[in-house]
Amino acid sequence: MYMINAVRWMQVVFEAEIRQVGTSLGVLIPAKIVRQKHWKKGTRVFVTFLDIDEKAIKKGFGMGKGMKPYQKVKWSKWE
């Protein structure tokens, strides 16, 4: 496979459930996205997987409780 430098990158993000497809696992792309992108059977797409650690995300909420309010730092006399 060859990649051309003038590739136009499009990012489409959606949540999907991994399903059994024969002896493999697969992800179904919603029909709305397929229509919007004019994809057909056989269209090649790049897939990126994002593992989300929900416990770490929930732990981060409320970290700033009790902290002083944000104050902008003046870097120059023109700001």
Protein backbone atom coordinates (compact mmCIF):
# COMPACT_ATOMS: atom_id res chain seq x y z
CA MET A 1 0.00 0.00 0.00
CA TYR A 2 1.31 3.45 -0.93
CA MET A 3 0.46 6.64 0.90
CA ILE A 4 0.31 9.99 -0.85
CA ASN A 5 1.34 13.13 1.05
CA ALA A 6 -1.77 14.97 -0.11
CA VAL A 7 -4.13 12.74 1.88
CA ARG A 8 -7.14 14.56 3.28
CA TRP A 9 -7.68 13.22 6.80
CA MET A 10 -11.20 12.99 8.12
CA GLN A 11 -11.93 12.06 11.69
CA VAL A 12 -15.19 10.32 12.49
CA VAL A 13 -15.79 9.30 16.08
CA PHE A 14 -18.63 7.08 17.20
CA GLU A 15 -19.23 4.55 19.91
CA ALA A 16 -19.77 0.97 18.79
CA GLU A 17 -20.12 -2.44 20.30
CA ILE A 18 -17.78 -5.25 19.32
CA ARG A 19 -19.84 -8.11 17.85
CA GLN A 20 -19.24 -11.69 16.83
CA VAL A 21 -18.94 -12.04 13.03
CA GLY A 22 -18.40 -15.70 12.23
CA THR A 23 -15.28 -16.72 14.11
CA SER A 24 -13.99 -13.12 14.25
CA LEU A 25 -15.02 -9.93 16.01
CA GLY A 26 -16.22 -6.85 14.17
CA VAL A 27 -17.54 -3.33 14.62
CA LEU A 28 -20.54 -2.11 12.63
CA ILE A 29 -20.31 1.37 11.14
CA PRO A 30 -23.64 3.22 11.46
CA ALA A 31 -25.50 3.60 8.14
CA LYS A 32 -25.71 7.39 8.61
CA ILE A 33 -21.91 7.68 8.60
CA VAL A 34 -21.61 5.32 5.61
CA ARG A 35 -24.04 7.51 3.64
CA GLN A 36 -22.37 10.79 4.67
CA LYS A 37 -18.92 9.52 3.61
CA HIS A 38 -20.21 7.83 0.44
CA TRP A 39 -18.52 4.59 1.49
CA LYS A 40 -19.28 1.39 -0.40
CA LYS A 41 -18.47 -2.27 0.21
CA GLY A 42 -14.73 -2.66 -0.25
CA THR A 43 -13.83 0.93 0.77
CA ARG A 44 -10.61 0.86 2.78
CA VAL A 45 -10.55 2.86 6.01
CA PHE A 46 -8.01 3.24 8.81
CA VAL A 47 -9.29 2.30 12.26
CA THR A 48 -7.86 3.57 15.54
CA PHE A 49 -8.82 2.04 18.86
CA LEU A 50 -9.18 4.16 21.98
CA ASP A 51 -9.15 2.42 25.35
CA ILE A 52 -10.85 4.58 27.94
CA ASP A 53 -10.01 4.09 31.59
CA GLU A 54 -13.30 5.23 33.13
CA LYS A 55 -11.96 4.91 36.69
CA ALA A 56 -9.08 7.30 35.92
CA ILE A 57 -11.46 9.80 34.30
CA LYS A 58 -13.86 9.74 37.26
CA LYS A 59 -10.94 10.09 39.68
CA GLY A 60 -9.88 13.31 37.90
CA PHE A 61 -13.19 15.07 38.50
CA GLY A 62 -13.13 17.35 41.52
CA MET A 63 -9.32 17.58 41.62
CA GLY A 64 -9.47 21.38 41.79
CA LYS A 65 -11.74 21.65 44.83
CA GLY A 66 -10.36 24.15 47.31
CA MET A 67 -7.81 25.62 44.88
CA LYS A 68 -7.35 29.35 44.37
CA PRO A 69 -9.16 30.89 41.39
CA TYR A 70 -7.25 31.06 38.11
CA GLN A 71 -5.28 34.27 37.54
CA LYS A 72 -3.85 35.17 34.15
CA VAL A 73 -0.10 35.64 34.13
CA LYS A 74 1.06 38.85 32.46
CA TRP A 75 3.96 38.01 30.15
CA SER A 76 4.55 41.46 28.69
CA LYS A 77 3.53 45.07 29.22
CA TRP A 78 1.31 44.90 26.09
CA GLU A 79 -1.09 42.29 27.48
